[in-house]
């Protein structure tokens, strides 16, 4: 099996793990996997030109699947990040109200 195909399979597996973490609202674990994926993509890009083989259709299909999973994960991660921001804003407002009430 070709090296690029193995990299893409690892990437796909990581993206599926990210989906699971994001479905639980665990943005921190998903971001850690995202950093691993960046390294995998860098390796893939650096070897892509060297390894032009007849398994390109399999690779293309896997790339399409990975792109779809990445788009889904990005949307979920943005949603979780927005939730974190809302929680932070709510906490900040509550803290300001408490401080104001203590000072009056």
PDB file of N, CA and C in Angstrom:
ATOM      1  N   UNK A   1       0.848  -1.177   0.000  1.00  0.00           N
ATOM      2  CA  UNK A   1       0.000   0.000   0.000  1.00  0.00           C
ATOM      3  C   UNK A   1       0.890   1.234   0.000  1.00  0.00           C
ATOM      4  N   UNK A   2       0.467   2.206  -0.697  1.00  0.00           N
ATOM      5  CA  UNK A   2       1.300   3.375  -0.884  1.00  0.00           C
ATOM      6  C   UNK A   2       1.254   4.308   0.334  1.00  0.00           C
ATOM      7  N   UNK A   3       2.341   5.030   0.550  1.00  0.00           N
ATOM      8  CA  UNK A   3       2.537   5.878   1.725  1.00  0.00           C
ATOM      9  C   UNK A   3       1.455   6.948   1.837  1.00  0.00           C
ATOM     10  N   UNK A   4       1.116   7.591   0.722  1.00  0.00           N
ATOM     11  CA  UNK A   4       0.087   8.632   0.753  1.00  0.00           C
ATOM     12  C   UNK A   4      -1.266   8.068   1.176  1.00  0.00           C
ATOM     13  N   UNK A   5      -1.564   6.885   0.709  1.00  0.00           N
ATOM     14  CA  UNK A   5      -2.824   6.249   1.068  1.00  0.00           C
ATOM     15  C   UNK A   5      -2.862   5.984   2.574  1.00  0.00           C
ATOM     16  N   UNK A   6      -1.754   5.535   3.140  1.00  0.00           N
ATOM     17  CA  UNK A   6      -1.682   5.306   4.584  1.00  0.00           C
ATOM     18  C   UNK A   6      -1.870   6.612   5.355  1.00  0.00           C
ATOM     19  N   UNK A   7      -1.226   7.683   4.880  1.00  0.00           N
ATOM     20  CA  UNK A   7      -1.390   8.980   5.532  1.00  0.00           C
ATOM     21  C   UNK A   7      -2.849   9.430   5.510  1.00  0.00           C
ATOM     22  N   UNK A   8      -3.496   9.230   4.381  1.00  0.00           N
ATOM     23  CA  UNK A   8      -4.894   9.639   4.266  1.00  0.00           C
ATOM     24  C   UNK A   8      -5.809   8.796   5.155  1.00  0.00           C
ATOM     25  N   UNK A   9      -5.487   7.520   5.292  1.00  0.00           N
ATOM     26  CA  UNK A   9      -6.292   6.676   6.180  1.00  0.00           C
ATOM     27  C   UNK A   9      -6.151   7.146   7.630  1.00  0.00           C
ATOM     28  N   UNK A  10      -4.943   7.523   8.024  1.00  0.00           N
ATOM     29  CA  UNK A  10      -4.724   8.051   9.373  1.00  0.00           C
ATOM     30  C   UNK A  10      -5.486   9.363   9.540  1.00  0.00           C
ATOM     31  N   UNK A  11      -5.417  10.210   8.521  1.00  0.00           N
ATOM     32  CA  UNK A  11      -6.133  11.485   8.561  1.00  0.00           C
ATOM     33  C   UNK A  11      -7.632  11.257   8.713  1.00  0.00           C
ATOM     34  N   UNK A  12      -8.165  10.335   7.938  1.00  0.00           N
ATOM     35  CA  UNK A  12      -9.596  10.032   8.014  1.00  0.00           C
ATOM     36  C   UNK A  12      -9.966   9.534   9.408  1.00  0.00           C
ATOM     37  N   UNK A  13      -9.155   8.656   9.948  1.00  0.00           N
ATOM     38  CA  UNK A  13      -9.396   8.136  11.296  1.00  0.00           C
ATOM     39  C   UNK A  13      -9.386   9.274  12.326  1.00  0.00           C
ATOM     40  N   UNK A  14      -8.408  10.160  12.197  1.00  0.00           N
ATOM     41  CA  UNK A  14      -8.333  11.310  13.106  1.00  0.00           C
ATOM     42  C   UNK A  14      -9.556  12.210  12.975  1.00  0.00           C
ATOM     43  N   UNK A  15     -10.002  12.433  11.748  1.00  0.00           N
ATOM     44  CA  UNK A  15     -11.177  13.286  11.536  1.00  0.00           C
ATOM     45  C   UNK A  15     -12.430  12.649  12.140  1.00  0.00           C
ATOM     46  N   UNK A  16     -12.518  11.339  12.060  1.00  0.00           N
ATOM     47  CA  UNK A  16     -13.656  10.651  12.674  1.00  0.00           C
ATOM     48  C   UNK A  16     -13.593  10.760  14.193  1.00  0.00           C
ATOM     49  N   UNK A  17     -12.375  10.686  14.764  1.00  0.00           N
ATOM     50  CA  UNK A  17     -12.212  10.883  16.209  1.00  0.00           C
ATOM     51  C   UNK A  17     -12.627  12.305  16.591  1.00  0.00           C
ATOM     52  N   UNK A  18     -12.210  13.264  15.765  1.00  0.00           N
ATOM     53  CA  UNK A  18     -12.598  14.657  16.022  1.00  0.00           C
ATOM     54  C   UNK A  18     -14.107  14.794  16.044  1.00  0.00           C
ATOM     55  N   UNK A  19     -14.765  14.134  15.098  1.00  0.00           N
ATOM     56  CA  UNK A  19     -16.226  14.182  15.050  1.00  0.00           C
ATOM     57  C   UNK A  19     -16.823  13.670  16.347  1.00  0.00           C
ATOM     58  N   UNK A  20     -16.283  12.588  16.854  1.00  0.00           N
ATOM     59  CA  UNK A  20     -16.783  12.014  18.108  1.00  0.00           C
ATOM     60  C   UNK A  20     -16.589  12.999  19.258  1.00  0.00           C
ATOM     61  N   UNK A  21     -15.381  13.559  19.372  1.00  0.00           N
ATOM     62  CA  UNK A  21     -15.124  14.529  20.439  1.00  0.00           C
ATOM     63  C   UNK A  21     -16.055  15.736  20.323  1.00  0.00           C
ATOM     64  N   UNK A  22     -16.218  16.213  19.090  1.00  0.00           N
ATOM     65  CA  UNK A  22     -17.063  17.389  18.890  1.00  0.00           C
ATOM     66  C   UNK A  22     -18.525  17.079  19.183  1.00  0.00           C
ATOM     67  N   UNK A  23     -18.947  15.856  18.944  1.00  0.00           N
ATOM     68  CA  UNK A  23     -20.338  15.500  19.248  1.00  0.00           C
ATOM     69  C   UNK A  23     -20.587  15.534  20.753  1.00  0.00           C
ATOM     70  N   UNK A  24     -19.523  15.352  21.545  1.00  0.00           N
ATOM     71  CA  UNK A  24     -19.626  15.455  23.001  1.00  0.00           C
ATOM     72  C   UNK A  24     -19.349  16.873  23.494  1.00  0.00           C
ATOM     73  N   UNK A  25     -19.020  17.777  22.569  1.00  0.00           N
ATOM     74  CA  UNK A  25     -18.717  19.153  22.945  1.00  0.00           C
ATOM     75  C   UNK A  25     -17.306  19.339  23.459  1.00  0.00           C
ATOM     76  N   UNK A  26     -16.424  18.388  23.190  1.00  0.00           N
ATOM     77  CA  UNK A  26     -15.040  18.446  23.668  1.00  0.00           C
ATOM     78  C   UNK A  26     -14.154  19.092  22.611  1.00  0.00           C
ATOM     79  N   UNK A  27     -14.160  20.420  22.603  1.00  0.00           N
ATOM     80  CA  UNK A  27     -13.379  21.155  21.621  1.00  0.00           C
ATOM     81  C   UNK A  27     -11.880  21.044  21.841  1.00  0.00           C
ATOM     82  N   UNK A  28     -11.453  20.939  23.104  1.00  0.00           N
ATOM     83  CA  UNK A  28     -10.026  20.879  23.399  1.00  0.00           C
ATOM     84  C   UNK A  28      -9.376  19.633  22.797  1.00  0.00           C
ATOM     85  N   UNK A  29     -10.005  18.483  22.967  1.00  0.00           N
ATOM     86  CA  UNK A  29      -9.451  17.242  22.395  1.00  0.00           C
ATOM     87  C   UNK A  29      -9.475  17.292  20.874  1.00  0.00           C
ATOM     88  N   UNK A  30     -10.533  17.896  20.324  1.00  0.00           N
ATOM     89  CA  UNK A  30     -10.636  17.997  18.866  1.00  0.00           C
ATOM     90  C   UNK A  30      -9.521  18.871  18.304  1.00  0.00           C
ATOM     91  N   UNK A  31      -9.190  19.946  18.995  1.00  0.00           N
ATOM     92  CA  UNK A  31      -8.120  20.836  18.522  1.00  0.00           C
ATOM     93  C   UNK A  31      -6.772  20.124  18.564  1.00  0.00           C
ATOM     94  N   UNK A  32      -6.546  19.293  19.590  1.00  0.00           N
ATOM     95  CA  UNK A  32      -5.288  18.537  19.661  1.00  0.00           C
ATOM     96  C   UNK A  32      -5.142  17.631  18.437  1.00  0.00           C
ATOM     97  N   UNK A  33      -6.231  16.983  18.066  1.00  0.00           N
ATOM     98  CA  UNK A  33      -6.189  16.105  16.886  1.00  0.00           C
ATOM     99  C   UNK A  33      -5.985  16.944  15.628  1.00  0.00           C
ATOM    100  N   UNK A  34      -6.564  18.125  15.611  1.00  0.00           N
ATOM    101  CA  UNK A  34      -6.411  19.013  14.460  1.00  0.00           C
ATOM    102  C   UNK A  34      -4.940  19.357  14.223  1.00  0.00           C
ATOM    103  N   UNK A  35      -4.186  19.562  15.304  1.00  0.00           N
ATOM    104  CA  UNK A  35      -2.754  19.836  15.163  1.00  0.00           C
ATOM    105  C   UNK A  35      -2.021  18.627  14.576  1.00  0.00           C
ATOM    106  N   UNK A  36      -2.416  17.414  14.983  1.00  0.00           N
ATOM    107  CA  UNK A  36      -1.826  16.205  14.402  1.00  0.00           C
ATOM    108  C   UNK A  36      -2.137  16.135  12.910  1.00  0.00           C
ATOM    109  N   UNK A  37      -3.355  16.517  12.564  1.00  0.00           N
ATOM    110  CA  UNK A  37      -3.760  16.458  11.157  1.00  0.00           C
ATOM    111  C   UNK A  37      -2.952  17.422  10.297  1.00  0.00           C
ATOM    112  N   UNK A  38      -2.590  18.561  10.846  1.00  0.00           N
ATOM    113  CA  UNK A  38      -1.774  19.517  10.085  1.00  0.00           C
ATOM    114  C   UNK A  38      -0.445  18.883   9.692  1.00  0.00           C
ATOM    115  N   UNK A  39       0.147  18.147  10.603  1.00  0.00           N
ATOM    116  CA  UNK A  39       1.422  17.481  10.310  1.00  0.00           C
ATOM    117  C   UNK A  39       1.227  16.411   9.233  1.00  0.00           C
ATOM    118  N   UNK A  40       0.140  15.657   9.333  1.00  0.00           N
ATOM    119  CA  UNK A  40      -0.148  14.619   8.344  1.00  0.00           C
ATOM    120  C   UNK A  40      -0.339  15.255   6.969  1.00  0.00           C
ATOM    121  N   UNK A  41      -1.068  16.354   6.909  1.00  0.00           N
ATOM    122  CA  UNK A  41      -1.287  17.037   5.632  1.00  0.00           C
ATOM    123  C   UNK A  41       0.025  17.552   5.054  1.00  0.00           C
ATOM    124  N   UNK A  42       0.896  18.051   5.920  1.00  0.00           N
ATOM    125  CA  UNK A  42       2.206  18.522   5.456  1.00  0.00           C
ATOM    126  C   UNK A  42       3.002  17.359   4.851  1.00  0.00           C
ATOM    127  N   UNK A  43       2.997  16.207   5.537  1.00  0.00           N
ATOM    128  CA  UNK A  43       3.692  15.031   5.001  1.00  0.00           C
ATOM    129  C   UNK A  43       3.087  14.591   3.677  1.00  0.00           C
ATOM    130  N   UNK A  44       1.759  14.617   3.621  1.00  0.00           N
ATOM    131  CA  UNK A  44       1.070  14.217   2.396  1.00  0.00           C
ATOM    132  C   UNK A  44       1.468  15.123   1.234  1.00  0.00           C
ATOM    133  N   UNK A  45       1.447  16.422   1.459  1.00  0.00           N
ATOM    134  CA  UNK A  45       1.801  17.376   0.400  1.00  0.00           C
ATOM    135  C   UNK A  45       3.253  17.202  -0.040  1.00  0.00           C
ATOM    136  N   UNK A  46       4.143  16.920   0.900  1.00  0.00           N
ATOM    137  CA  UNK A  46       5.559  16.804   0.547  1.00  0.00           C
ATOM    138  C   UNK A  46       5.854  15.531  -0.253  1.00  0.00           C
ATOM    139  N   UNK A  47       5.011  14.512  -0.140  1.00  0.00           N
ATOM    140  CA  UNK A  47       5.259  13.262  -0.870  1.00  0.00           C
ATOM    141  C   UNK A  47       4.321  13.063  -2.055  1.00  0.00           C
ATOM    142  N   UNK A  48       3.342  13.944  -2.196  1.00  0.00           N
ATOM    143  CA  UNK A  48       2.318  13.759  -3.224  1.00  0.00           C
ATOM    144  C   UNK A  48       2.904  13.672  -4.629  1.00  0.00           C
ATOM    145  N   UNK A  49       3.819  14.547  -4.950  1.00  0.00           N
ATOM    146  CA  UNK A  49       4.384  14.581  -6.293  1.00  0.00           C
ATOM    147  C   UNK A  49       5.238  13.349  -6.562  1.00  0.00           C
ATOM    148  N   UNK A  50       5.926  12.853  -5.540  1.00  0.00           N
ATOM    149  CA  UNK A  50       6.822  11.715  -5.710  1.00  0.00           C
ATOM    150  C   UNK A  50       6.072  10.417  -5.995  1.00  0.00           C
ATOM    151  N   UNK A  51       4.889  10.279  -5.430  1.00  0.00           N
ATOM    152  CA  UNK A  51       4.192   8.996  -5.470  1.00  0.00           C
ATOM    153  C   UNK A  51       2.953   9.016  -6.359  1.00  0.00           C
ATOM    154  N   UNK A  52       3.122   9.284  -7.635  1.00  0.00           N
ATOM    155  CA  UNK A  52       2.016   9.228  -8.587  1.00  0.00           C
ATOM    156  C   UNK A  52       1.858   7.768  -9.019  1.00  0.00           C
ATOM    157  N   UNK A  53       0.828   7.096  -8.531  1.00  0.00           N
ATOM    158  CA  UNK A  53       0.637   5.678  -8.840  1.00  0.00           C
ATOM    159  C   UNK A  53      -0.739   5.438  -9.425  1.00  0.00           C
ATOM    160  N   UNK A  54      -1.028   4.196  -9.714  1.00  0.00           N
ATOM    161  CA  UNK A  54      -2.317   3.849 -10.300  1.00  0.00           C
ATOM    162  C   UNK A  54      -3.440   3.786  -9.256  1.00  0.00           C
ATOM    163  N   UNK A  55      -3.130   3.951  -8.007  1.00  0.00           N
ATOM    164  CA  UNK A  55      -4.160   3.934  -6.966  1.00  0.00           C
ATOM    165  C   UNK A  55      -4.730   5.330  -6.725  1.00  0.00           C
ATOM    166  N   UNK A  56      -4.621   6.201  -7.725  1.00  0.00           N
ATOM    167  CA  UNK A  56      -5.063   7.590  -7.560  1.00  0.00           C
ATOM    168  C   UNK A  56      -6.557   7.707  -7.296  1.00  0.00           C
ATOM    169  N   UNK A  57      -7.363   6.827  -7.854  1.00  0.00           N
ATOM    170  CA  UNK A  57      -8.803   6.908  -7.607  1.00  0.00           C
ATOM    171  C   UNK A  57      -9.105   6.663  -6.139  1.00  0.00           C
ATOM    172  N   UNK A  58      -8.467   5.641  -5.547  1.00  0.00           N
ATOM    173  CA  UNK A  58      -8.655   5.381  -4.117  1.00  0.00           C
ATOM    174  C   UNK A  58      -8.218   6.569  -3.280  1.00  0.00           C
ATOM    175  N   UNK A  59      -7.098   7.128  -3.648  1.00  0.00           N
ATOM    176  CA  UNK A  59      -6.595   8.292  -2.926  1.00  0.00           C
ATOM    177  C   UNK A  59      -7.557   9.459  -3.092  1.00  0.00           C
ATOM    178  N   UNK A  60      -8.025   9.694  -4.307  1.00  0.00           N
ATOM    179  CA  UNK A  60      -8.956  10.792  -4.561  1.00  0.00           C
ATOM    180  C   UNK A  60     -10.238  10.634  -3.746  1.00  0.00           C
ATOM    181  N   UNK A  61     -10.764   9.412  -3.696  1.00  0.00           N
ATOM    182  CA  UNK A  61     -11.965   9.141  -2.908  1.00  0.00           C
ATOM    183  C   UNK A  61     -11.720   9.409  -1.419  1.00  0.00           C
ATOM    184  N   UNK A  62     -10.564   8.975  -0.949  1.00  0.00           N
ATOM    185  CA  UNK A  62     -10.232   9.185   0.457  1.00  0.00           C
ATOM    186  C   UNK A  62     -10.037  10.672   0.757  1.00  0.00           C
ATOM    187  N   UNK A  63      -9.416  11.388  -0.161  1.00  0.00           N
ATOM    188  CA  UNK A  63      -9.246  12.834   0.004  1.00  0.00           C
ATOM    189  C   UNK A  63     -10.608  13.516   0.073  1.00  0.00           C
ATOM    190  N   UNK A  64     -11.526  13.122  -0.801  1.00  0.00           N
ATOM    191  CA  UNK A  64     -12.869  13.708  -0.779  1.00  0.00           C
ATOM    192  C   UNK A  64     -13.564  13.449   0.552  1.00  0.00           C
ATOM    193  N   UNK A  65     -13.448  12.230   1.057  1.00  0.00           N
ATOM    194  CA  UNK A  65     -14.048  11.893   2.348  1.00  0.00           C
ATOM    195  C   UNK A  65     -13.427  12.728   3.464  1.00  0.00           C
ATOM    196  N   UNK A  66     -12.118  12.862   3.443  1.00  0.00           N
ATOM    197  CA  UNK A  66     -11.429  13.661   4.465  1.00  0.00           C
ATOM    198  C   UNK A  66     -11.850  15.125   4.401  1.00  0.00           C
ATOM    199  N   UNK A  67     -11.992  15.646   3.194  1.00  0.00           N
ATOM    200  CA  UNK A  67     -12.409  17.043   3.054  1.00  0.00           C
ATOM    201  C   UNK A  67     -13.815  17.244   3.614  1.00  0.00           C
ATOM    202  N   UNK A  68     -14.693  16.304   3.335  1.00  0.00           N
ATOM    203  CA  UNK A  68     -16.059  16.386   3.860  1.00  0.00           C
ATOM    204  C   UNK A  68     -16.060  16.335   5.390  1.00  0.00           C
ATOM    205  N   UNK A  69     -15.305  15.386   5.953  1.00  0.00           N
ATOM    206  CA  UNK A  69     -15.229  15.281   7.411  1.00  0.00           C
ATOM    207  C   UNK A  69     -14.632  16.543   8.029  1.00  0.00           C
ATOM    208  N   UNK A  70     -13.609  17.100   7.382  1.00  0.00           N
ATOM    209  CA  UNK A  70     -12.974  18.312   7.901  1.00  0.00           C
ATOM    210  C   UNK A  70     -13.961  19.475   7.909  1.00  0.00           C
ATOM    211  N   UNK A  71     -14.746  19.613   6.854  1.00  0.00           N
ATOM    212  CA  UNK A  71     -15.748  20.691   6.802  1.00  0.00           C
ATOM    213  C   UNK A  71     -16.773  20.534   7.917  1.00  0.00           C
ATOM    214  N   UNK A  72     -17.242  19.308   8.142  1.00  0.00           N
ATOM    215  CA  UNK A  72     -18.198  19.058   9.225  1.00  0.00           C
ATOM    216  C   UNK A  72     -17.589  19.396  10.578  1.00  0.00           C
ATOM    217  N   UNK A  73     -16.343  18.963  10.781  1.00  0.00           N
ATOM    218  CA  UNK A  73     -15.669  19.229  12.046  1.00  0.00           C
ATOM    219  C   UNK A  73     -15.445  20.716  12.265  1.00  0.00           C
ATOM    220  N   UNK A  74     -15.099  21.436  11.213  1.00  0.00           N
ATOM    221  CA  UNK A  74     -14.910  22.882  11.332  1.00  0.00           C
ATOM    222  C   UNK A  74     -16.196  23.573  11.785  1.00  0.00           C
ATOM    223  N   UNK A  75     -17.314  23.156  11.207  1.00  0.00           N
ATOM    224  CA  UNK A  75     -18.596  23.751  11.594  1.00  0.00           C
ATOM    225  C   UNK A  75     -18.913  23.465  13.065  1.00  0.00           C
ATOM    226  N   UNK A  76     -18.705  22.226  13.488  1.00  0.00           N
ATOM    227  CA  UNK A  76     -18.977  21.868  14.879  1.00  0.00           C
ATOM    228  C   UNK A  76     -18.035  22.594  15.832  1.00  0.00           C
ATOM    229  N   UNK A  77     -16.766  22.687  15.438  1.00  0.00           N
ATOM    230  CA  UNK A  77     -15.789  23.362  16.286  1.00  0.00           C
ATOM    231  C   UNK A  77     -16.123  24.842  16.426  1.00  0.00           C
ATOM    232  N   UNK A  78     -16.559  25.478  15.335  1.00  0.00           N
ATOM    233  CA  UNK A  78     -16.984  26.870  15.421  1.00  0.00           C
ATOM    234  C   UNK A  78     -18.159  27.026  16.375  1.00  0.00           C
ATOM    235  N   UNK A  79     -19.089  26.107  16.308  1.00  0.00           N
ATOM    236  CA  UNK A  79     -20.257  26.142  17.188  1.00  0.00           C
ATOM    237  C   UNK A  79     -19.842  26.013  18.649  1.00  0.00           C
ATOM    238  N   UNK A  80     -18.940  25.076  18.929  1.00  0.00           N
ATOM    239  CA  UNK A  80     -18.466  24.892  20.300  1.00  0.00           C
ATOM    240  C   UNK A  80     -17.703  26.120  20.766  1.00  0.00           C
ATOM    241  N   UNK A  81     -16.892  26.695  19.891  1.00  0.00           N
ATOM    242  CA  UNK A  81     -16.155  27.904  20.241  1.00  0.00           C
ATOM    243  C   UNK A  81     -17.113  29.041  20.561  1.00  0.00           C
ATOM    244  N   UNK A  82     -18.175  29.173  19.773  1.00  0.00           N
ATOM    245  CA  UNK A  82     -19.186  30.197  20.049  1.00  0.00           C
ATOM    246  C   UNK A  82     -19.843  29.956  21.399  1.00  0.00           C
ATOM    247  N   UNK A  83     -20.115  28.693  21.725  1.00  0.00           N
ATOM    248  CA  UNK A  83     -20.691  28.373  23.034  1.00  0.00           C
ATOM    249  C   UNK A  83     -19.743  28.772  24.160  1.00  0.00           C
ATOM    250  N   UNK A  84     -18.435  28.492  23.978  1.00  0.00           N
ATOM    251  CA  UNK A  84     -17.442  28.885  24.980  1.00  0.00           C
ATOM    252  C   UNK A  84     -17.457  30.406  25.162  1.00  0.00           C
ATOM    253  N   UNK A  85     -17.527  31.128  24.051  1.00  0.00           N
ATOM    254  CA  UNK A  85     -17.545  32.593  24.122  1.00  0.00           C
ATOM    255  C   UNK A  85     -18.784  33.085  24.864  1.00  0.00           C
ATOM    256  N   UNK A  86     -19.920  32.469  24.572  1.00  0.00           N
ATOM    257  CA  UNK A  86     -21.155  32.864  25.259  1.00  0.00           C
ATOM    258  C   UNK A  86     -21.060  32.606  26.760  1.00  0.00           C
ATOM    259  N   UNK A  87     -20.503  31.458  27.149  1.00  0.00           N
ATOM    260  CA  UNK A  87     -20.329  31.152  28.562  1.00  0.00           C
ATOM    261  C   UNK A  87     -19.413  32.169  29.230  1.00  0.00           C
ATOM    262  N   UNK A  88     -18.326  32.500  28.549  1.00  0.00           N
ATOM    263  CA  UNK A  88     -17.390  33.480  29.088  1.00  0.00           C
ATOM    264  C   UNK A  88     -18.061  34.830  29.254  1.00  0.00           C
ATOM    265  N   UNK A  89     -18.837  35.255  28.252  1.00  0.00           N
ATOM    266  CA  UNK A  89     -19.532  36.536  28.345  1.00  0.00           C
ATOM    267  C   UNK A  89     -20.547  36.531  29.479  1.00  0.00           C
ATOM    268  N   UNK A  90     -21.281  35.447  29.627  1.00  0.00           N
ATOM    269  CA  UNK A  90     -22.259  35.337  30.708  1.00  0.00           C
ATOM    270  C   UNK A  90     -21.570  35.415  32.060  1.00  0.00           C
ATOM    271  N   UNK A  91     -20.484  34.692  32.212  1.00  0.00           N
ATOM    272  CA  UNK A  91     -19.729  34.724  33.461  1.00  0.00           C
ATOM    273  C   UNK A  91     -19.209  36.127  33.739  1.00  0.00           C
ATOM    274  N   UNK A  92     -18.690  36.775  32.718  1.00  0.00           N
ATOM    275  CA  UNK A  92     -18.145  38.121  32.871  1.00  0.00           C
ATOM    276  C   UNK A  92     -19.235  39.103  33.306  1.00  0.00           C
ATOM    277  N   UNK A  93     -20.404  38.997  32.716  1.00  0.00           N
ATOM    278  CA  UNK A  93     -21.512  39.882  33.073  1.00  0.00           C
ATOM    279  C   UNK A  93     -21.944  39.622  34.515  1.00  0.00           C
ATOM    280  N   UNK A  94     -22.070  38.362  34.889  1.00  0.00           N
ATOM    281  CA  UNK A  94     -22.443  38.022  36.263  1.00  0.00           C
ATOM    282  C   UNK A  94     -21.429  38.582  37.253  1.00  0.00           C
ATOM    283  N   UNK A  95     -20.156  38.442  36.921  1.00  0.00           N
ATOM    284  CA  UNK A  95     -19.101  38.944  37.798  1.00  0.00           C
ATOM    285  C   UNK A  95     -19.187  40.458  37.940  1.00  0.00           C
ATOM    286  N   UNK A  96     -19.456  41.146  36.826  1.00  0.00           N
ATOM    287  CA  UNK A  96     -19.588  42.604  36.870  1.00  0.00           C
ATOM    288  C   UNK A  96     -20.786  43.027  37.707  1.00  0.00           C
ATOM    289  N   UNK A  97     -21.892  42.311  37.596  1.00  0.00           N
ATOM    290  CA  UNK A  97     -23.080  42.619  38.373  1.00  0.00           C
ATOM    291  C   UNK A  97     -22.798  42.423  39.871  1.00  0.00           C
ATOM    292  N   UNK A  98     -22.160  41.318  40.207  1.00  0.00           N
ATOM    293  CA  UNK A  98     -21.827  41.050  41.605  1.00  0.00           C
ATOM    294  C   UNK A  98     -20.905  42.127  42.154  1.00  0.00           C
ATOM    295  N   UNK A  99     -19.916  42.513  41.368  1.00  0.00           N
ATOM    296  CA  UNK A  99     -18.975  43.570  41.801  1.00  0.00           C
ATOM    297  C   UNK A  99     -19.728  44.887  41.983  1.00  0.00           C
ATOM    298  N   UNK A 100     -20.638  45.181  41.095  1.00  0.00           N
ATOM    299  CA  UNK A 100     -21.425  46.414  41.195  1.00  0.00           C
ATOM    300  C   UNK A 100     -22.294  46.391  42.441  1.00  0.00           C
ATOM    301  N   UNK A 101     -22.936  45.261  42.707  1.00  0.00           N
ATOM    302  CA  UNK A 101     -23.804  45.149  43.875  1.00  0.00           C
ATOM    303  C   UNK A 101     -23.000  45.228  45.183  1.00  0.00           C
ATOM    304  N   UNK A 102     -21.808  44.705  45.180  1.00  0.00           N
ATOM    305  CA  UNK A 102     -20.948  44.790  46.374  1.00  0.00           C
ATOM    306  C   UNK A 102     -20.521  46.233  46.637  1.00  0.00           C
ATOM    307  N   UNK A 103     -20.331  46.987  45.575  1.00  0.00           N
ATOM    308  CA  UNK A 103     -19.862  48.365  45.709  1.00  0.00           C
ATOM    309  C   UNK A 103     -20.990  49.359  46.007  1.00  0.00           C
ATOM    310  N   UNK A 104     -22.249  48.915  45.918  1.00  0.00           N
ATOM    311  CA  UNK A 104     -23.337  49.851  46.196  1.00  0.00           C
ATOM    312  C   UNK A 104     -23.913  49.661  47.565  1.00  0.00           C
TER     313      UNK A 104
END
